[in-house]
């Protein structure tokens, strides 16, 4: 599997500030990929890399590409190029091949006209659907594929879909195709891939032991808008990791340029900078937002929108749990908090239910009916799932109880970044919901803080400051690069 990065900003930025300098830059991910836990190949993405960026519109709408089969950490030309090249829209990709040979033709990103495309993951049942996918394409898109990766064929399918929607992919419009058009084309591309996989005959699946689940983390841009997906073709499995970060400035706070502690600054509510990455580029947890599984992310005019992909694998239940076993078997890891196990030995604790906590006299409750959640057909080795599924019963009238915790108590239930075993609640004792403490006059509190900041005497505001938390200065940033801090802030990046 691979790692990728997208930058879109109102101002240009040096490639080196994304590709080379950050503590967990895309260059470092090429040899130290924390969320690609492939025991077969270690943590390397050494099968080539690629960078695509948009230049001055006077030079044309097409992006400039630089690809190489040399490992990113060993390419001197990458360091020379990144330190002298700036752009407002950048794609970067490091490759660990699963389909196709080691060739520059197979290195991401791919481009056509003003469009640029890259992919992290793999198409399920690829050998069984490749011919039928090619038959759907117009001749110019079929003949335009020069490499052997499923990612490039998916790009050809996207171009064909865009043309069937009435838009010429070769036209290079001045203002781009628009985010709505690109998003619809992306969703149709994913739907066609799922349709082709669903049409694989059952006899072929049984005979060839086909795994039909797909990991489709796509990214596409026309130079103005960016569309990214985090998707898995399954109702119970987790997708490959994807994060995004937005703010007003991506810069290092260090006084010397050799420091690598970059972070996203936020001086106002606007978002002049948007980053999308398979793995965070910094170890500041508050800077990065997890993209939900089976979602599509749209960036236009520095505005970020995330929408769920509502298809046969969509579940409206916010408590719906997914297993990360599949992506780990493919050499990746999910970035869901429920799958983090940093600092915890032994199995992940299950969620206590009334049936499991009422004693041996209780009748075990049946598992939840999955008929409304279609699942990809699996004939390969059985992959165990994490025991996070809720148990429900239509005959049970005992509600699931939960003891309310204070803020300090709820924060103490996390051990090493993962939830500890929950306490057993008695089902026959009804839980009384307690009202939170009165907040008081918030205007007076704000006025008191403003007065103290302005140098006023704190004694006159004593009655209003008594029920507020003390203000403590921000601690010095002295733990940069400390493995313990990395494990605390990003448990999923900690080596296991």
Protein backbone atom coordinates (compact mmCIF):
# COMPACT_ATOMS: atom_id res chain seq x y z
CA UNK A 1 0.00 0.00 0.00
CA UNK A 2 0.95 3.65 -0.30
CA UNK A 3 0.89 6.99 1.48
CA UNK A 4 -0.23 10.29 -0.02
CA UNK A 5 -0.51 13.99 0.78
CA UNK A 6 -2.59 16.87 -0.60
CA UNK A 7 -1.96 20.57 0.04
CA UNK A 8 -4.28 23.37 -1.04
CA UNK A 9 -3.62 26.91 0.11
CA UNK A 10 -4.45 30.48 -0.76
CA UNK A 11 -0.70 31.14 -0.93
CA UNK A 12 2.13 29.15 -2.42
CA UNK A 13 4.29 27.01 -0.18
CA UNK A 14 7.68 25.39 -0.72
CA UNK A 15 7.43 21.68 -1.38
CA UNK A 16 10.14 21.11 1.22
CA UNK A 17 7.81 22.33 4.01
CA UNK A 18 5.55 19.38 3.23
CA UNK A 19 7.76 16.74 1.67
CA UNK A 20 11.06 17.09 3.54
CA UNK A 21 10.95 19.19 6.70
CA UNK A 22 8.03 18.11 8.98
CA UNK A 23 8.69 15.60 11.74
CA UNK A 24 6.59 12.97 9.94
CA UNK A 25 6.88 14.23 6.38
CA UNK A 26 5.92 12.20 3.34
CA UNK A 27 9.66 11.57 2.85
CA UNK A 28 9.92 10.03 6.32
CA UNK A 29 6.77 8.00 5.68
CA UNK A 30 8.56 6.39 2.75
CA UNK A 31 10.80 4.52 5.23
CA UNK A 32 8.93 4.92 8.55
CA UNK A 33 5.23 4.54 7.83
CA UNK A 34 3.58 4.25 11.24
CA UNK A 35 0.09 3.41 9.95
CA UNK A 36 1.28 0.90 7.36
CA UNK A 37 1.97 -2.07 9.60
CA UNK A 38 2.86 -4.63 6.95
CA UNK A 39 4.86 -7.40 8.58
CA UNK A 40 5.68 -8.81 5.16
CA UNK A 41 7.51 -5.69 3.96
CA UNK A 42 8.25 -3.72 7.11
CA UNK A 43 7.44 -0.02 7.15
CA UNK A 44 8.88 0.93 3.77
CA UNK A 45 7.15 2.57 0.81
CA UNK A 46 10.18 2.16 -1.42
CA UNK A 47 8.67 1.37 -4.84
CA UNK A 48 8.93 4.88 -6.18
CA UNK A 49 7.34 8.23 -5.48
CA UNK A 50 5.76 11.12 -7.32
CA UNK A 51 4.94 14.79 -6.90
CA UNK A 52 2.40 16.81 -8.85
CA UNK A 53 1.87 20.55 -8.52
CA UNK A 54 0.16 23.38 -10.36
CA UNK A 55 2.23 26.31 -11.61
CA UNK A 56 1.38 29.81 -12.83
CA UNK A 57 -1.83 29.75 -14.93
CA UNK A 58 0.10 31.59 -17.65
CA UNK A 59 2.04 28.37 -18.19
CA UNK A 60 -1.12 26.35 -18.72
CA UNK A 61 -3.70 24.56 -16.61
CA UNK A 62 -1.98 21.15 -16.68
CA UNK A 63 -0.03 20.14 -13.56
CA UNK A 64 3.70 19.44 -13.52
CA UNK A 65 4.68 15.89 -12.53
CA UNK A 66 7.93 14.47 -11.20
CA UNK A 67 8.07 10.70 -10.66
CA UNK A 68 10.88 8.27 -9.96
CA UNK A 69 11.38 4.62 -9.06
CA UNK A 70 14.19 5.62 -6.70
CA UNK A 71 13.16 5.51 -3.03
CA UNK A 72 12.19 9.01 -1.95
CA UNK A 73 14.78 9.12 0.85
CA UNK A 74 17.57 8.35 -1.62
CA UNK A 75 16.66 10.83 -4.38
CA UNK A 76 18.92 13.88 -4.41
CA UNK A 77 16.88 15.47 -7.18
CA UNK A 78 13.79 15.45 -4.96
CA UNK A 79 15.61 17.50 -2.33
CA UNK A 80 16.88 19.94 -4.94
CA UNK A 81 13.45 20.33 -6.52
CA UNK A 82 11.51 20.62 -3.26
CA UNK A 83 13.73 23.34 -1.82
CA UNK A 84 13.22 25.64 -4.83
CA UNK A 85 9.64 24.90 -5.98
CA UNK A 86 6.48 26.49 -4.58
CA UNK A 87 2.83 25.91 -5.43
CA UNK A 88 -0.65 26.53 -4.05
CA UNK A 89 -1.84 22.96 -4.84
CA UNK A 90 0.42 19.95 -4.35
CA UNK A 91 -0.03 16.17 -4.59
CA UNK A 92 2.66 13.85 -3.17
CA UNK A 93 2.71 10.05 -3.13
CA UNK A 94 5.09 7.30 -1.98
CA UNK A 95 4.42 3.84 -3.35
CA UNK A 96 4.48 0.29 -2.04
CA UNK A 97 3.40 -1.79 -5.01
CA UNK A 98 0.52 -4.26 -4.90
CA UNK A 99 -0.39 -4.17 -8.62
CA UNK A 100 1.96 -3.48 -11.51
CA UNK A 101 5.73 -3.63 -11.83
CA UNK A 102 8.35 -1.21 -10.56
CA UNK A 103 8.20 1.39 -13.32
CA UNK A 104 7.81 5.14 -13.63
CA UNK A 105 4.64 4.47 -15.63
CA UNK A 106 3.14 3.01 -12.45
CA UNK A 107 4.18 5.83 -10.11
CA UNK A 108 1.47 8.15 -8.85
CA UNK A 109 0.15 10.75 -9.38
CA UNK A 110 -1.39 10.36 -12.84
CA UNK A 111 -2.66 13.26 -14.92
CA UNK A 112 -4.74 14.12 -17.97
CA UNK A 113 -5.32 17.67 -19.10
CA UNK A 114 -5.84 19.75 -15.97
CA UNK A 115 -6.77 16.72 -13.84
CA UNK A 116 -4.46 14.95 -11.40
CA UNK A 117 -5.19 11.66 -9.63
CA UNK A 118 -3.69 9.33 -7.02
CA UNK A 119 -4.84 6.34 -4.99
CA UNK A 120 -4.03 4.51 -1.78
CA UNK A 121 -5.49 1.02 -1.51
CA UNK A 122 -6.58 -1.61 -3.99
CA UNK A 123 -9.61 -2.74 -5.99
CA UNK A 124 -11.15 -5.99 -4.80
CA UNK A 125 -11.33 -8.87 -7.28
CA UNK A 126 -9.18 -6.84 -9.67
CA UNK A 127 -8.09 -9.70 -11.93
CA UNK A 128 -11.72 -10.79 -12.33
CA UNK A 129 -13.08 -7.33 -13.26
CA UNK A 130 -10.19 -5.80 -15.22
CA UNK A 131 -11.41 -6.97 -18.63
CA UNK A 132 -15.02 -5.91 -18.03
CA UNK A 133 -13.87 -2.53 -16.72
CA UNK A 134 -11.86 -2.00 -19.90
CA UNK A 135 -14.87 -2.92 -22.02
CA UNK A 136 -16.83 -0.05 -20.48
CA UNK A 137 -14.26 2.55 -21.52
CA UNK A 138 -14.21 4.59 -24.70
CA UNK A 139 -11.24 3.80 -26.94
CA UNK A 140 -9.28 6.94 -26.08
CA UNK A 141 -9.42 6.20 -22.35
CA UNK A 142 -8.71 2.50 -22.84
CA UNK A 143 -5.67 3.24 -25.02
CA UNK A 144 -4.52 6.02 -22.71
CA UNK A 145 -3.58 3.58 -19.94
CA UNK A 146 0.18 3.04 -20.17
CA UNK A 147 0.90 1.35 -16.81
CA UNK A 148 -0.36 -1.79 -15.17
CA UNK A 149 -1.86 -0.56 -11.89
CA UNK A 150 -5.49 -0.77 -10.86
CA UNK A 151 -5.12 2.88 -9.79
CA UNK A 152 -4.50 4.09 -13.35
CA UNK A 153 -7.42 2.01 -14.65
CA UNK A 154 -9.61 3.60 -11.98
CA UNK A 155 -8.48 7.02 -13.25
CA UNK A 156 -9.41 6.00 -16.80
CA UNK A 157 -12.84 4.98 -15.50
CA UNK A 158 -13.17 8.38 -13.79
CA UNK A 159 -12.31 10.18 -17.05
CA UNK A 160 -14.80 8.06 -18.97
CA UNK A 161 -17.48 8.76 -16.35
CA UNK A 162 -16.77 12.50 -16.49
CA UNK A 163 -17.16 12.46 -20.27
CA UNK A 164 -20.44 10.53 -20.07
CA UNK A 165 -21.71 13.25 -17.73
CA UNK A 166 -21.22 15.79 -20.53
CA UNK A 167 -17.82 17.24 -19.56
CA UNK A 168 -14.72 16.91 -21.72
CA UNK A 169 -11.80 15.85 -19.47
CA UNK A 170 -9.36 17.29 -22.02
CA UNK A 171 -10.94 20.75 -22.13
CA UNK A 172 -8.94 22.31 -19.25
CA UNK A 173 -11.59 24.90 -18.24
CA UNK A 174 -10.20 28.13 -16.81
CA UNK A 175 -12.19 27.85 -13.58
CA UNK A 176 -12.08 24.07 -13.41
CA UNK A 177 -14.96 21.62 -13.61
CA UNK A 178 -16.36 22.64 -10.23
CA UNK A 179 -16.51 20.65 -6.99
CA UNK A 180 -20.03 19.34 -7.62
CA UNK A 181 -19.11 17.80 -10.98
CA UNK A 182 -15.94 16.19 -9.63
CA UNK A 183 -17.74 14.82 -6.59
CA UNK A 184 -20.53 13.28 -8.67
CA UNK A 185 -18.00 11.72 -11.05
CA UNK A 186 -16.08 10.27 -8.12
CA UNK A 187 -19.20 8.76 -6.55
CA UNK A 188 -20.24 7.23 -9.88
CA UNK A 189 -16.76 5.79 -10.35
CA UNK A 190 -16.94 4.05 -6.97
CA UNK A 191 -20.47 2.80 -7.74
CA UNK A 192 -19.32 1.30 -11.07
CA UNK A 193 -16.40 -0.47 -9.38
CA UNK A 194 -18.80 -1.96 -6.81
CA UNK A 195 -21.18 -3.02 -9.58
CA UNK A 196 -18.42 -4.80 -11.48
CA UNK A 197 -17.33 -6.61 -8.33
CA UNK A 198 -20.89 -7.64 -7.47
CA UNK A 199 -21.24 -9.22 -10.93
CA UNK A 200 -18.35 -11.64 -10.41
CA UNK A 201 -19.91 -15.12 -10.69
CA UNK A 202 -20.20 -17.09 -7.48
CA UNK A 203 -18.50 -20.05 -9.15
CA UNK A 204 -15.42 -17.92 -9.87
CA UNK A 205 -15.33 -16.59 -6.32
CA UNK A 206 -15.43 -20.13 -4.91
CA UNK A 207 -12.97 -21.57 -7.41
CA UNK A 208 -10.36 -18.78 -7.17
CA UNK A 209 -10.86 -17.74 -3.55
CA UNK A 210 -11.51 -14.09 -4.49
CA UNK A 211 -11.54 -11.34 -1.88
CA UNK A 212 -13.94 -8.73 -3.22
CA UNK A 213 -13.36 -5.94 -0.69
CA UNK A 214 -11.85 -2.71 -2.04
CA UNK A 215 -9.85 0.02 -0.33
CA UNK A 216 -10.51 3.20 -2.31
CA UNK A 217 -8.74 6.23 -0.86
CA UNK A 218 -8.81 8.40 -4.01
CA UNK A 219 -7.69 12.01 -4.55
CA UNK A 220 -8.42 14.10 -7.65
CA UNK A 221 -8.11 17.78 -8.53
CA UNK A 222 -8.60 20.11 -11.49
CA UNK A 223 -6.33 22.81 -10.07
CA UNK A 224 -9.19 24.57 -8.27
CA UNK A 225 -11.13 21.95 -6.30
CA UNK A 226 -9.94 18.80 -4.54
CA UNK A 227 -11.97 15.64 -3.94
CA UNK A 228 -10.73 12.89 -1.59
CA UNK A 229 -12.38 9.70 -0.41
CA UNK A 230 -11.86 7.31 2.46
CA UNK A 231 -13.74 4.19 1.45
CA UNK A 232 -13.90 0.43 1.94
CA UNK A 233 -16.23 -1.90 0.04
CA UNK A 234 -17.57 -3.52 3.19
CA UNK A 235 -20.17 -2.86 5.88
CA UNK A 236 -18.07 -4.25 8.73
CA UNK A 237 -14.43 -3.45 7.87
CA UNK A 238 -12.47 -0.28 8.45
CA UNK A 239 -10.92 1.80 5.65
CA UNK A 240 -7.29 2.84 5.35
CA UNK A 241 -6.33 5.86 7.44
CA UNK A 242 -6.94 9.44 6.28
CA UNK A 243 -6.67 12.77 8.12
CA UNK A 244 -7.12 16.43 7.27
CA UNK A 245 -6.03 19.68 8.88
CA UNK A 246 -7.01 23.29 8.17
CA UNK A 247 -5.86 26.65 9.45
CA UNK A 248 -4.28 29.95 8.51
CA UNK A 249 -0.60 29.00 8.37
CA UNK A 250 1.50 25.82 8.19
CA UNK A 251 4.79 26.81 9.76
CA UNK A 252 7.37 25.79 12.33
CA UNK A 253 7.50 27.57 15.67
CA UNK A 254 11.18 26.89 16.12
CA UNK A 255 13.61 29.84 15.98
CA UNK A 256 16.05 27.88 13.81
CA UNK A 257 15.21 26.42 10.39
CA UNK A 258 16.62 22.98 11.21
CA UNK A 259 13.79 22.30 13.68
CA UNK A 260 11.00 20.07 12.38
CA UNK A 261 8.12 20.76 14.77
CA UNK A 262 5.66 22.12 12.20
CA UNK A 263 2.10 22.79 13.25
CA UNK A 264 -1.09 24.32 11.87
CA UNK A 265 -1.59 27.88 13.13
CA UNK A 266 -5.11 29.29 13.50
CA UNK A 267 -5.36 33.05 13.86
CA UNK A 268 -8.99 33.36 12.74
CA UNK A 269 -11.96 31.25 11.68
CA UNK A 270 -10.85 31.10 8.06
CA UNK A 271 -8.90 28.26 6.46
CA UNK A 272 -6.13 29.54 4.22
CA UNK A 273 -4.37 26.17 4.32
CA UNK A 274 -5.86 22.67 4.00
CA UNK A 275 -3.83 19.47 4.28
CA UNK A 276 -5.06 15.93 3.62
CA UNK A 277 -2.72 13.06 4.47
CA UNK A 278 -2.68 9.32 5.00
CA UNK A 279 -0.67 9.99 8.15
CA UNK A 280 -0.35 13.25 10.13
CA UNK A 281 2.71 15.30 9.27
CA UNK A 282 3.07 16.49 12.86
CA UNK A 283 2.51 14.99 16.28
CA UNK A 284 0.03 17.64 17.43
CA UNK A 285 -3.24 15.77 17.97
CA UNK A 286 -5.38 18.92 17.98
CA UNK A 287 -4.18 19.82 14.46
CA UNK A 288 -5.62 16.74 12.73
CA UNK A 289 -9.16 15.53 12.13
CA UNK A 290 -10.00 11.93 11.32
CA UNK A 291 -11.96 11.54 8.07
CA UNK A 292 -14.83 9.11 8.80
CA UNK A 293 -14.89 5.79 7.00
CA UNK A 294 -16.83 5.77 3.71
CA UNK A 295 -16.85 9.55 3.38
CA UNK A 296 -16.03 11.98 0.59
CA UNK A 297 -14.11 15.16 1.37
CA UNK A 298 -14.48 18.28 -0.81
CA UNK A 299 -12.11 21.26 -0.74
CA UNK A 300 -13.09 24.41 -2.63
CA UNK A 301 -11.96 27.97 -1.91
CA UNK A 302 -10.31 26.69 1.29
CA UNK A 303 -13.67 25.39 2.53
CA UNK A 304 -13.68 21.76 3.68
CA UNK A 305 -16.86 19.68 3.50
CA UNK A 306 -17.21 16.02 4.49
CA UNK A 307 -20.21 13.99 3.32
CA UNK A 308 -21.01 10.31 3.93
CA UNK A 309 -21.07 8.01 0.91
CA UNK A 310 -24.57 6.55 1.09
CA UNK A 311 -24.54 3.22 -0.70
CA UNK A 312 -25.10 -0.42 0.24
CA UNK A 313 -22.31 -0.21 2.84
CA UNK A 314 -23.63 2.89 4.60
CA UNK A 315 -24.99 2.58 8.13
CA UNK A 316 -26.96 5.36 9.82
CA UNK A 317 -26.30 4.00 13.28
CA UNK A 318 -23.61 6.18 14.91
CA UNK A 319 -22.71 3.23 17.18
CA UNK A 320 -21.95 0.99 14.20
CA UNK A 321 -18.53 -0.60 14.71
CA UNK A 322 -16.04 -1.72 12.10
CA UNK A 323 -13.06 -4.05 12.32
CA UNK A 324 -9.54 -2.96 11.40
CA UNK A 325 -8.35 -6.53 10.75
CA UNK A 326 -8.77 -6.25 6.96
CA UNK A 327 -6.67 -3.12 6.45
CA UNK A 328 -4.00 -4.52 8.75
CA UNK A 329 -3.90 -7.69 6.70
CA UNK A 330 -3.36 -5.52 3.61
CA UNK A 331 -0.43 -3.72 5.23
CA UNK A 332 -2.31 -0.68 6.56
CA UNK A 333 -3.95 0.43 9.76
CA UNK A 334 -7.13 2.32 10.53
CA UNK A 335 -7.08 5.58 12.44
CA UNK A 336 -10.18 4.93 14.54
CA UNK A 337 -9.82 5.51 18.29
CA UNK A 338 -11.72 2.31 19.03
CA UNK A 339 -8.96 0.20 17.52
CA UNK A 340 -6.07 1.80 19.38
CA UNK A 341 -4.27 -0.50 21.77
CA UNK A 342 -1.23 1.53 22.77
CA UNK A 343 -0.13 0.71 26.28
CA UNK A 344 -2.67 -2.13 26.72
CA UNK A 345 -1.78 -5.79 26.75
CA UNK A 346 -4.25 -8.57 26.19
CA UNK A 347 -7.54 -8.55 24.30
CA UNK A 348 -9.60 -5.42 23.83
CA UNK A 349 -12.38 -5.34 26.46
CA UNK A 350 -15.91 -5.84 25.29
CA UNK A 351 -18.72 -3.44 26.06
CA UNK A 352 -20.77 -4.55 29.07
CA UNK A 353 -24.45 -5.17 28.44
CA UNK A 354 -27.28 -6.12 30.84
CA UNK A 355 -27.29 -9.67 29.48
CA UNK A 356 -23.59 -10.14 30.04
CA UNK A 357 -23.59 -8.62 33.51
CA UNK A 358 -26.71 -10.07 35.16
CA UNK A 359 -25.19 -13.42 36.08
CA UNK A 360 -25.30 -17.02 34.94
CA UNK A 361 -29.11 -17.22 35.11
CA UNK A 362 -29.53 -14.90 32.12
CA UNK A 363 -30.18 -16.23 28.66
CA UNK A 364 -27.53 -15.13 26.13
CA UNK A 365 -28.89 -12.58 23.68
CA UNK A 366 -28.68 -13.25 19.95
CA UNK A 367 -26.31 -11.30 17.79
CA UNK A 368 -27.58 -8.34 15.81
CA UNK A 369 -29.23 -9.23 12.53
CA UNK A 370 -26.96 -8.25 9.64
CA UNK A 371 -29.43 -8.83 6.82
CA UNK A 372 -29.76 -5.12 6.21
CA UNK A 373 -25.99 -4.73 5.98
CA UNK A 374 -24.66 -6.49 2.85
CA UNK A 375 -21.21 -7.86 3.25
CA UNK A 376 -18.55 -8.61 0.65
CA UNK A 377 -18.12 -12.26 -0.12
CA UNK A 378 -15.07 -13.75 1.55
CA UNK A 379 -13.61 -17.13 0.82
CA UNK A 380 -10.06 -16.55 1.94
CA UNK A 381 -8.62 -16.99 5.42
CA UNK A 382 -10.98 -15.87 8.15
CA UNK A 383 -9.92 -12.54 9.63
CA UNK A 384 -10.97 -12.12 13.27
CA UNK A 385 -12.91 -9.02 14.14
CA UNK A 386 -12.65 -6.97 17.31
CA UNK A 387 -15.38 -7.69 19.88
CA UNK A 388 -17.02 -4.29 19.71
CA UNK A 389 -20.41 -5.29 18.23
CA UNK A 390 -23.45 -4.32 20.31
CA UNK A 391 -25.78 -7.08 21.41
CA UNK A 392 -29.47 -6.35 21.00
CA UNK A 393 -32.60 -8.42 21.42
CA UNK A 394 -36.11 -7.68 20.25
CA UNK A 395 -37.49 -9.57 23.30
CA UNK A 396 -35.46 -7.70 25.85
CA UNK A 397 -37.11 -4.74 27.56
CA UNK A 398 -34.27 -3.93 29.95
CA UNK A 399 -32.62 -0.69 28.85
CA UNK A 400 -28.88 -0.42 28.66
CA UNK A 401 -27.82 1.65 31.64
CA UNK A 402 -24.89 3.96 31.90
CA UNK A 403 -23.65 5.66 35.03
CA UNK A 404 -23.01 9.37 34.42
CA UNK A 405 -19.42 10.36 35.01
CA UNK A 406 -17.97 13.70 35.82
CA UNK A 407 -15.43 15.24 33.50
CA UNK A 408 -12.52 14.15 35.64
CA UNK A 409 -13.87 10.60 35.97
CA UNK A 410 -14.51 10.16 32.25
CA UNK A 411 -11.03 11.33 31.36
CA UNK A 412 -9.49 8.85 33.79
CA UNK A 413 -11.01 5.88 31.99
CA UNK A 414 -8.50 6.17 29.17
CA UNK A 415 -5.30 4.22 29.58
CA UNK A 416 -2.55 4.78 27.06
CA UNK A 417 -4.97 6.40 24.57
CA UNK A 418 -7.43 3.46 24.56
CA UNK A 419 -10.61 2.83 26.56
CA UNK A 420 -10.26 0.71 29.68
CA UNK A 421 -12.67 -2.05 30.62
CA UNK A 422 -16.01 -0.52 31.57
CA UNK A 423 -17.62 -1.23 34.91
CA UNK A 424 -20.67 -3.48 35.08
CA UNK A 425 -23.94 -1.60 35.62
CA UNK A 426 -26.92 -3.22 37.41
CA UNK A 427 -29.86 -3.30 34.97
CA UNK A 428 -32.59 -3.27 37.62
CA UNK A 429 -31.53 0.08 39.08
CA UNK A 430 -32.78 2.93 36.86
CA UNK A 431 -30.28 5.64 36.16
CA UNK A 432 -31.32 9.17 37.06
CA UNK A 433 -29.84 11.72 34.75
CA UNK A 434 -28.26 14.50 36.73
CA UNK A 435 -28.35 18.08 35.56
CA UNK A 436 -24.94 19.72 35.10
CA UNK A 437 -23.98 22.39 37.63
CA UNK A 438 -25.22 25.87 36.96
CA UNK A 439 -22.93 27.81 34.72
CA UNK A 440 -23.55 31.17 36.35
CA UNK A 441 -23.33 34.54 34.67
CA UNK A 442 -20.96 33.84 31.80
CA UNK A 443 -20.87 37.51 30.78
CA UNK A 444 -19.54 38.47 34.22
CA UNK A 445 -16.97 35.71 34.06
CA UNK A 446 -15.74 36.87 30.66
CA UNK A 447 -15.65 40.44 31.92
CA UNK A 448 -13.62 39.36 34.92
CA UNK A 449 -11.08 37.56 32.77
CA UNK A 450 -10.84 40.56 30.46
CA UNK A 451 -10.23 42.82 33.44
CA UNK A 452 -7.47 40.61 34.79
CA UNK A 453 -5.83 40.44 31.35
CA UNK A 454 -6.01 44.24 31.13
CA UNK A 455 -4.19 44.61 34.42
CA UNK A 456 -7.20 45.20 36.66
CA UNK A 457 -7.33 44.22 40.32
CA UNK A 458 -8.49 40.64 40.73
CA UNK A 459 -9.97 41.24 44.15
CA UNK A 460 -13.05 43.02 42.85
CA UNK A 461 -13.85 40.03 40.66
CA UNK A 462 -13.30 37.43 43.36
CA UNK A 463 -16.94 36.23 43.56
CA UNK A 464 -16.99 35.56 39.83
CA UNK A 465 -13.55 34.00 39.56
CA UNK A 466 -14.07 31.57 42.41
CA UNK A 467 -15.93 28.97 40.32
CA UNK A 468 -13.68 29.07 37.27
CA UNK A 469 -10.63 26.94 36.58
CA UNK A 470 -7.24 28.58 37.23
CA UNK A 471 -5.45 29.90 34.22
CA UNK A 472 -2.09 28.24 33.70
CA UNK A 473 0.52 29.26 31.14
CA UNK A 474 1.12 27.04 28.13
CA UNK A 475 3.90 24.55 28.94
CA UNK A 476 7.16 24.83 27.08
CA UNK A 477 7.55 22.65 24.01
CA UNK A 478 10.38 20.56 25.42
CA UNK A 479 9.19 17.08 24.44
CA UNK A 480 9.54 17.35 20.67
CA UNK A 481 10.56 14.03 19.18
CA UNK A 482 10.04 12.20 22.49
CA UNK A 483 8.66 8.71 21.68
CA UNK A 484 6.53 8.82 24.85
CA UNK A 485 4.85 12.02 23.68
CA UNK A 486 4.21 10.52 20.25
CA UNK A 487 2.58 7.50 21.89
CA UNK A 488 0.38 9.75 24.02
CA UNK A 489 -0.74 12.13 21.28
CA UNK A 490 -1.00 9.62 18.41
CA UNK A 491 -1.22 6.09 19.84
CA UNK A 492 -1.89 4.72 16.36
CA UNK A 493 1.53 6.00 15.21
CA UNK A 494 3.40 4.31 18.03
CA UNK A 495 5.44 1.33 16.93
CA UNK A 496 4.20 -1.95 18.37
